[in-house]
Structure formats: C-alpha cells, structure tokens
C-alpha cells in the first residue's frame, strides 16, 4: 500500500515537474528573469501534487490533506522570493557579461584602429622623408635643377610632415585624461571670420571660392584656440577636396541652445558607407595610401570631432545631392564645464 502510494506520488510529481520544466524553458527564451522566478515555484507545486496523490492513495481524511497542503503552500512565497533573488542575480550576471563583452569588443576595435593608424602614418611619413632624402642627395652631388626648385620642394615636404606630426599631437592630447578646455565667452562670428580669411588664402591658388559670411553675433562659452583649430580643419578639408568651379560655403546659426558652424564642400559626394568612416583617424576615401599633393594625413576631421565633443557637442556630416558634403560643428552655447 505504502509502496504503491509512493510510486504514484513520484510519478505525479515527475509529470508535473517535467511540464513545469518545459514551461520554464519556453519562458526563458523570452524572459530569463521570469523563468528564474517560476522555476522554484514549479518545484514546490510538483511536491504539493505528490503529497495530494499520496494522501488520496492512503485514504487520508480531507482535514489532514488540507493541513498538509496549507503547510506546503506556505513555502510558495519563499520559493517566489528565492526565485526573484536568483532572477536579480542572473540579470546582474547577464548585464556584467554583456558589458565585459562590449568592452572587449571596443578594446579590440581601438587596438585595430591604433595599429592601422600607426601603419598608415608610418607610410605617410616615409613618403616625404624619401623625397627630402633624394633631393638632398641630388644637391650634394650637384645634380639639382638650375631653377632652384629643390629647396622649395624640401620646405613643402617638411611642412607636410610637420602637419602630420601636429595632427597626431592634437589627437593624442584630445584623448588624454589630462586634457581640459580653457573656456571663455567668445563671439563665434570672430572665430569664423578669421578662419574664412585663412581658408580664402588657401583656396585662391586652387581656383576655389569660399563664400559666405560669419553672419549674426553668436556668443558661446568655448576654448577659442581649440575651436579655431576645429573650424580651420573643416575648412581646410573642404578646400582640399573641392575643385573649380565648385565652391565652399560657410555659415553660422544658433537656436535651441546650440550654435551651428556649417561648412559645405564640393567634393562630388561620397558613398553612404564612407560617411561612417570619415572621422576615423588616418582614413582617406582613396584606396592608395600615398596622398595626392595638398591632401593631408586624414587626421583633421578626427581632431575636429574630438574638439567638438570635448565641448559637449559633435560634428555632423550629411551628403548634398551628389555635389558634396555638409559638415556642421554643433556646440552648446553654455560649456558643460560651467553648468
């Protein structure tokens, strides 16, 4: 009698347990925390079913069965609490694992980007060095052209190298934990006016026109030196990649607590997949690593975005119907350092 009751109780408990396990498994695919709460409750329910089957088989009176079931039912809240604690722990572990995976993925991307940048810059620096060496050897051997073009060419190559090194130093400084902005109230119209004047001097020999004016007065809390570098980088990039008869357009506007400095170039447009890579240090749209005359090392846009983000803003880029791209430095009118 007792053996049969035990077998029936075990069979009933197993059946309920298996059904509960299947339910928990199905629930876990959609909501892991809920499955963790339900799992211990399933165990208690399967035990309760086994008790009921045993009581029926052994003809225990209704009163005693009720007492046993009430005692068993009191463990349900405890099972639920334990399940909730387990669910919280599971969620913490899942979030921690996801954060660690994202951190490892970010570190891998940063390391790959760093290696790529070092390789690109090493190549870009070797190119002017090789030219300088060749021209210096020609001067030593007395084979220089009579027009005296080599000294000017050497100076141009040295300027190119200095620009690359300056870009690397600026990028390194922006990524340093010790980097701080020296903010003050500045009329952005003055910053833009100076940048336009310098850009026109660069654009004139290329037959490119820089159009637009600083516009209305917009006062913001910025580091004038760093912001001037960011604006100059955008304008230099625009002039470099714009060919005549296209022009570079410049504008300044403000609204909704932000200032916008826009630079529109005539580069002819870029494929959509290139827009995401424009701000990668050292990246250029051309497949060859040897830059064309007047083309920089591919650091200007990365530095400009780094400066904008240090101010609590950003640099946005949008294509212009195949004619070129529009870059906008978006800045809060009040520096985060002062709020």
Protein backbone atom coordinates (compact mmCIF):
# COMPACT_ATOMS: atom_id res chain seq x y z
CA UNK A 1 0.00 0.00 0.00
CA UNK A 2 2.68 2.50 1.01
CA UNK A 3 4.91 1.43 -1.89
CA UNK A 4 2.12 1.96 -4.42
CA UNK A 5 1.34 5.37 -2.92
CA UNK A 6 4.98 6.37 -3.16
CA UNK A 7 5.18 5.27 -6.80
CA UNK A 8 2.03 7.20 -7.66
CA UNK A 9 3.28 10.28 -5.84
CA UNK A 10 6.66 10.08 -7.55
CA UNK A 11 5.06 9.63 -10.97
CA UNK A 12 2.71 12.58 -10.47
CA UNK A 13 5.49 14.79 -9.18
CA UNK A 14 7.73 13.85 -12.13
CA UNK A 15 4.98 14.58 -14.67
CA UNK A 16 4.22 17.98 -13.11
CA UNK A 17 7.93 18.70 -12.81
CA UNK A 18 8.58 17.89 -16.48
CA UNK A 19 5.66 20.02 -17.63
CA UNK A 20 6.90 22.83 -15.41
CA UNK A 21 10.43 22.44 -16.76
CA UNK A 22 9.15 22.71 -20.33
CA UNK A 23 7.18 25.83 -19.38
CA UNK A 24 10.24 27.37 -17.69
CA UNK A 25 12.37 26.58 -20.74
CA UNK A 26 9.88 28.21 -23.08
CA UNK A 27 9.61 31.23 -20.80
CA UNK A 28 13.40 31.55 -20.55
CA UNK A 29 13.68 32.15 -24.30
CA UNK A 30 11.56 35.29 -23.90
CA UNK A 31 12.16 36.44 -20.34
CA UNK A 32 15.03 34.88 -18.40
CA UNK A 33 14.24 36.69 -15.13
CA UNK A 34 10.62 35.46 -15.12
CA UNK A 35 11.81 31.91 -15.75
CA UNK A 36 14.14 32.18 -12.73
CA UNK A 37 11.18 33.22 -10.54
CA UNK A 38 8.90 30.45 -11.83
CA UNK A 39 11.47 27.61 -11.54
CA UNK A 40 11.44 27.19 -7.72
CA UNK A 41 7.65 27.60 -7.68
CA UNK A 42 7.40 24.64 -10.10
CA UNK A 43 9.42 22.55 -7.64
CA UNK A 44 7.06 23.37 -4.77
CA UNK A 45 3.97 22.67 -6.91
CA UNK A 46 5.33 19.29 -8.01
CA UNK A 47 5.96 18.39 -4.36
CA UNK A 48 2.41 19.50 -3.47
CA UNK A 49 0.96 17.31 -6.24
CA UNK A 50 2.96 14.36 -4.95
CA UNK A 51 1.57 14.94 -1.44
CA UNK A 52 -2.01 15.12 -2.71
CA UNK A 53 -1.63 11.90 -4.72
CA UNK A 54 -0.08 10.14 -1.74
CA UNK A 55 -2.85 11.35 0.58
CA UNK A 56 -5.54 10.13 -1.83
CA UNK A 57 -3.88 6.75 -2.23
CA UNK A 58 -3.58 6.28 1.51
CA UNK A 59 -7.14 7.50 2.19
CA UNK A 60 -6.07 10.32 4.47
CA UNK A 61 -9.06 12.38 5.53
CA UNK A 62 -9.83 15.74 3.95
CA UNK A 63 -8.91 17.70 7.06
CA UNK A 64 -5.40 16.24 7.23
CA UNK A 65 -4.93 16.73 3.49
CA UNK A 66 -5.92 20.36 3.83
CA UNK A 67 -3.48 20.88 6.69
CA UNK A 68 -0.63 19.33 4.70
CA UNK A 69 -1.46 21.41 1.61
CA UNK A 70 -1.65 24.62 3.64
CA UNK A 71 1.76 23.90 5.14
CA UNK A 72 3.13 23.18 1.68
CA UNK A 73 1.51 26.32 0.24
CA UNK A 74 3.29 28.49 2.82
CA UNK A 75 6.54 27.65 1.04
CA UNK A 76 5.32 29.18 -2.24
CA UNK A 77 6.08 32.79 -1.23
CA UNK A 78 9.51 31.71 -0.01
CA UNK A 79 10.13 29.92 -3.32
CA UNK A 80 8.99 33.04 -5.18
CA UNK A 81 11.34 35.25 -3.15
CA UNK A 82 14.25 32.92 -3.77
CA UNK A 83 13.35 32.86 -7.46
CA UNK A 84 13.26 36.67 -7.52
CA UNK A 85 16.69 36.85 -5.85
CA UNK A 86 18.05 34.36 -8.36
CA UNK A 87 16.49 36.37 -11.21
CA UNK A 88 18.16 39.57 -9.99
CA UNK A 89 21.49 37.81 -9.79
CA UNK A 90 21.01 36.33 -13.25
CA UNK A 91 20.20 39.78 -14.64
CA UNK A 92 23.30 41.24 -12.98
CA UNK A 93 25.45 38.48 -14.42
CA UNK A 94 23.95 38.94 -17.88
CA UNK A 95 24.46 42.71 -17.77
CA UNK A 96 28.02 42.28 -16.48
CA UNK A 97 28.81 39.73 -19.18
CA UNK A 98 27.32 41.98 -21.87
CA UNK A 99 29.27 44.99 -20.59
CA UNK A 100 32.51 42.99 -20.48
CA UNK A 101 31.90 41.66 -23.99
CA UNK A 102 31.20 45.18 -25.26
CA UNK A 103 34.35 46.46 -23.51
CA UNK A 104 36.45 43.69 -25.05
CA UNK A 105 34.95 44.41 -28.46
CA UNK A 106 35.64 48.13 -28.03
CA UNK A 107 39.23 47.43 -26.95
CA UNK A 108 39.73 45.19 -29.99
CA UNK A 109 38.39 47.90 -32.30
CA UNK A 110 40.54 50.57 -30.65
CA UNK A 111 43.63 48.38 -30.87
CA UNK A 112 42.94 47.53 -34.51
CA UNK A 113 42.37 51.22 -35.27
CA UNK A 114 45.58 52.15 -33.46
CA UNK A 115 47.62 49.59 -35.38
CA UNK A 116 46.08 50.73 -38.65
CA UNK A 117 46.79 54.38 -37.83
CA UNK A 118 50.42 53.62 -36.92
CA UNK A 119 50.87 51.69 -40.17
CA UNK A 120 49.26 54.44 -42.25
CA UNK A 121 51.19 57.26 -40.59
CA UNK A 122 54.47 55.37 -40.89
CA UNK A 123 53.86 55.10 -44.62
CA UNK A 124 52.77 58.73 -44.94
CA UNK A 125 55.84 59.98 -43.08
CA UNK A 126 58.23 57.82 -45.11
CA UNK A 127 56.97 59.32 -48.37
CA UNK A 128 58.08 62.94 -47.74
CA UNK A 129 61.22 61.68 -45.99
CA UNK A 130 62.18 59.72 -49.10
CA UNK A 131 61.61 62.81 -51.25
CA UNK A 132 63.66 65.03 -48.96
CA UNK A 133 66.49 62.50 -48.89
CA UNK A 134 66.52 62.14 -52.67
CA UNK A 135 66.58 65.91 -53.21
CA UNK A 136 69.25 66.38 -50.54
CA UNK A 137 71.45 63.74 -52.20
CA UNK A 138 70.93 65.44 -55.56
CA UNK A 139 72.02 68.77 -54.06
CA UNK A 140 75.11 67.12 -52.54
CA UNK A 141 76.03 65.57 -55.89
CA UNK A 142 75.45 68.83 -57.77
CA UNK A 143 72.57 67.42 -59.81
CA UNK A 144 69.92 69.87 -58.63
CA UNK A 145 67.93 71.72 -61.33
CA UNK A 146 69.25 75.24 -62.01
CA UNK A 147 65.90 76.83 -61.20
CA UNK A 148 66.44 76.09 -57.52
CA UNK A 149 63.19 74.19 -57.09
CA UNK A 150 64.59 71.67 -54.62
CA UNK A 151 64.80 73.99 -51.59
CA UNK A 152 61.14 74.98 -52.03
CA UNK A 153 60.13 71.34 -52.52
CA UNK A 154 62.08 70.28 -49.41
CA UNK A 155 60.36 73.01 -47.42
CA UNK A 156 56.96 71.88 -48.71
CA UNK A 157 57.67 68.26 -47.74
CA UNK A 158 58.88 69.37 -44.31
CA UNK A 159 55.68 71.39 -43.86
CA UNK A 160 53.70 68.30 -44.80
CA UNK A 161 55.49 66.24 -42.18
CA UNK A 162 55.01 68.98 -39.58
CA UNK A 163 51.28 68.98 -40.35
CA UNK A 164 51.11 65.22 -39.82
CA UNK A 165 53.02 65.39 -36.54
CA UNK A 166 50.87 68.32 -35.39
CA UNK A 167 47.71 66.35 -36.14
CA UNK A 168 48.98 63.34 -34.21
CA UNK A 169 49.90 65.52 -31.22
CA UNK A 170 46.48 67.20 -31.29
CA UNK A 171 44.70 63.84 -31.46
CA UNK A 172 46.83 62.43 -28.64
CA UNK A 173 46.13 65.48 -26.48
CA UNK A 174 42.38 65.20 -27.04
CA UNK A 175 42.45 61.54 -25.97
CA UNK A 176 44.46 62.26 -22.84
CA UNK A 177 42.75 62.15 -19.44
CA UNK A 178 44.52 65.39 -18.51
CA UNK A 179 43.05 67.37 -21.41
CA UNK A 180 40.98 70.36 -20.24
CA UNK A 181 39.33 73.23 -22.09
CA UNK A 182 40.12 76.86 -21.28
CA UNK A 183 36.65 78.23 -21.91
CA UNK A 184 35.57 81.84 -22.07
CA UNK A 185 32.74 83.84 -23.61
CA UNK A 186 33.57 84.16 -27.30
CA UNK A 187 31.73 85.62 -30.27
CA UNK A 188 31.78 82.76 -32.76
CA UNK A 189 31.49 85.28 -35.56
CA UNK A 190 35.07 86.39 -34.85
CA UNK A 191 36.35 82.81 -34.85
CA UNK A 192 34.64 82.09 -38.16
CA UNK A 193 35.78 85.36 -39.73
CA UNK A 194 39.45 84.58 -39.04
CA UNK A 195 39.04 81.01 -40.31
CA UNK A 196 37.39 82.20 -43.54
CA UNK A 197 40.23 84.65 -44.22
CA UNK A 198 42.83 81.90 -43.84
CA UNK A 199 40.78 79.48 -45.95
CA UNK A 200 40.46 82.00 -48.79
CA UNK A 201 44.24 82.36 -48.89
CA UNK A 202 44.50 78.58 -49.24
CA UNK A 203 41.64 78.32 -51.76
CA UNK A 204 42.71 81.13 -54.12
CA UNK A 205 45.65 79.26 -55.75
CA UNK A 206 43.35 76.27 -56.30
CA UNK A 207 40.73 78.32 -58.08
CA UNK A 208 38.21 77.60 -55.35
CA UNK A 209 35.99 80.27 -53.86
CA UNK A 210 35.00 80.36 -50.19
CA UNK A 211 31.58 82.00 -49.99
CA UNK A 212 29.52 83.06 -47.03
CA UNK A 213 29.99 85.40 -44.12
CA UNK A 214 30.16 84.95 -40.34
CA UNK A 215 26.54 86.13 -40.05
CA UNK A 216 24.90 87.30 -36.83
CA UNK A 217 26.65 87.52 -33.49
CA UNK A 218 26.56 84.22 -31.58
CA UNK A 219 28.21 84.20 -28.16
CA UNK A 220 29.17 80.87 -26.60
CA UNK A 221 31.47 79.52 -23.90
CA UNK A 222 34.27 77.79 -25.80
CA UNK A 223 38.00 77.29 -25.86
CA UNK A 224 38.76 79.73 -28.66
CA UNK A 225 42.11 78.14 -29.56
CA UNK A 226 40.73 74.62 -29.85
CA UNK A 227 37.56 75.70 -31.65
CA UNK A 228 39.62 77.74 -34.14
CA UNK A 229 41.62 74.58 -34.88
CA UNK A 230 38.41 72.57 -35.43
CA UNK A 231 36.91 75.17 -37.80
CA UNK A 232 40.21 75.52 -39.67
CA UNK A 233 40.38 71.74 -40.08
CA UNK A 234 36.89 71.60 -41.60
CA UNK A 235 37.62 74.48 -43.96
CA UNK A 236 40.99 73.04 -44.99
CA UNK A 237 39.37 69.67 -45.65
CA UNK A 238 36.62 71.33 -47.70
CA UNK A 239 39.03 73.42 -49.79
CA UNK A 240 41.34 70.44 -50.36
CA UNK A 241 38.56 68.25 -51.74
CA UNK A 242 36.74 70.92 -53.74
CA UNK A 243 37.68 71.63 -57.34
CA UNK A 244 36.77 74.59 -59.53
CA UNK A 245 34.08 75.65 -60.46
CA UNK A 246 32.62 74.37 -57.20
CA UNK A 247 32.84 76.48 -54.08
CA UNK A 248 32.97 76.10 -50.30
CA UNK A 249 30.04 77.55 -48.39
CA UNK A 250 30.27 78.70 -44.76
CA UNK A 251 27.51 79.78 -42.36
CA UNK A 252 26.84 80.37 -38.66
CA UNK A 253 23.48 79.96 -36.92
CA UNK A 254 22.06 79.46 -33.44
CA UNK A 255 18.87 78.06 -31.92
CA UNK A 256 17.54 75.71 -29.24
CA UNK A 257 20.56 76.35 -27.02
CA UNK A 258 23.12 75.34 -29.66
CA UNK A 259 25.33 77.04 -32.21
CA UNK A 260 25.99 75.55 -35.64
CA UNK A 261 29.01 76.29 -37.83
CA UNK A 262 28.34 74.75 -41.24
CA UNK A 263 30.91 74.08 -44.00
CA UNK A 264 29.63 72.76 -47.34
CA UNK A 265 32.20 71.46 -49.85
CA UNK A 266 32.12 70.45 -53.50
CA UNK A 267 33.86 67.08 -53.24
CA UNK A 268 31.39 65.47 -55.64
CA UNK A 269 29.74 63.34 -52.98
CA UNK A 270 30.71 60.21 -51.08
CA UNK A 271 29.18 56.73 -50.95
CA UNK A 272 26.93 56.19 -47.93
CA UNK A 273 29.27 53.56 -46.49
CA UNK A 274 32.14 56.09 -46.40
CA UNK A 275 30.27 58.59 -44.22
CA UNK A 276 30.72 56.40 -41.12
CA UNK A 277 34.49 56.25 -41.66
CA UNK A 278 35.17 59.92 -42.36
CA UNK A 279 36.13 60.64 -38.76
CA UNK A 280 38.43 57.64 -38.31
CA UNK A 281 41.99 58.88 -37.70
CA UNK A 282 44.15 58.38 -40.78
CA UNK A 283 41.31 57.20 -43.03
CA UNK A 284 41.05 58.55 -46.58
CA UNK A 285 38.50 57.73 -49.24
CA UNK A 286 41.18 56.81 -51.78
CA UNK A 287 42.47 53.26 -51.77
CA UNK A 288 46.10 54.33 -52.17
CA UNK A 289 47.97 55.45 -49.07
CA UNK A 290 50.27 57.92 -50.83
CA UNK A 291 48.33 61.19 -50.58
CA UNK A 292 47.88 63.46 -53.54
CA UNK A 293 49.51 66.87 -53.49
CA UNK A 294 47.90 69.05 -50.85
CA UNK A 295 45.99 66.19 -49.24
CA UNK A 296 46.63 65.82 -45.52
CA UNK A 297 47.18 62.77 -43.36
CA UNK A 298 43.50 62.18 -42.68
CA UNK A 299 43.55 63.48 -39.11
CA UNK A 300 41.78 66.84 -39.48
CA UNK A 301 38.22 65.58 -39.22
CA UNK A 302 39.04 63.29 -36.29
CA UNK A 303 40.61 66.22 -34.43
CA UNK A 304 37.66 68.50 -35.25
CA UNK A 305 35.16 65.97 -33.91
CA UNK A 306 37.29 65.40 -30.80
CA UNK A 307 37.33 69.13 -30.07
CA UNK A 308 33.57 69.45 -30.63
CA UNK A 309 32.84 66.52 -28.34
CA UNK A 310 35.16 67.94 -25.67
CA UNK A 311 32.85 70.98 -25.72
CA UNK A 312 29.79 68.75 -25.28
CA UNK A 313 28.88 68.97 -28.98
CA UNK A 314 29.68 67.00 -32.11
CA UNK A 315 30.48 67.23 -35.82
CA UNK A 316 27.72 66.01 -38.13
CA UNK A 317 28.01 65.23 -41.84
CA UNK A 318 25.29 64.95 -44.48
CA UNK A 319 25.59 64.41 -48.25
CA UNK A 320 24.45 67.21 -50.61
CA UNK A 321 22.71 65.55 -53.58
CA UNK A 322 25.94 64.31 -55.15
CA UNK A 323 27.59 67.75 -55.14
CA UNK A 324 29.49 67.31 -51.92
CA UNK A 325 29.10 67.07 -48.16
CA UNK A 326 27.93 69.43 -45.46
CA UNK A 327 29.80 69.36 -42.16
CA UNK A 328 28.34 71.05 -39.09
CA UNK A 329 30.06 71.75 -35.79
CA UNK A 330 27.23 71.67 -33.23
CA UNK A 331 28.10 73.33 -29.91
CA UNK A 332 26.12 74.08 -26.74
CA UNK A 333 26.01 77.83 -26.10
CA UNK A 334 27.00 77.14 -22.48
CA UNK A 335 30.05 74.99 -21.79
CA UNK A 336 29.42 71.80 -19.76
CA UNK A 337 32.35 72.84 -17.59
CA UNK A 338 30.40 75.88 -16.39
CA UNK A 339 26.93 74.36 -15.87
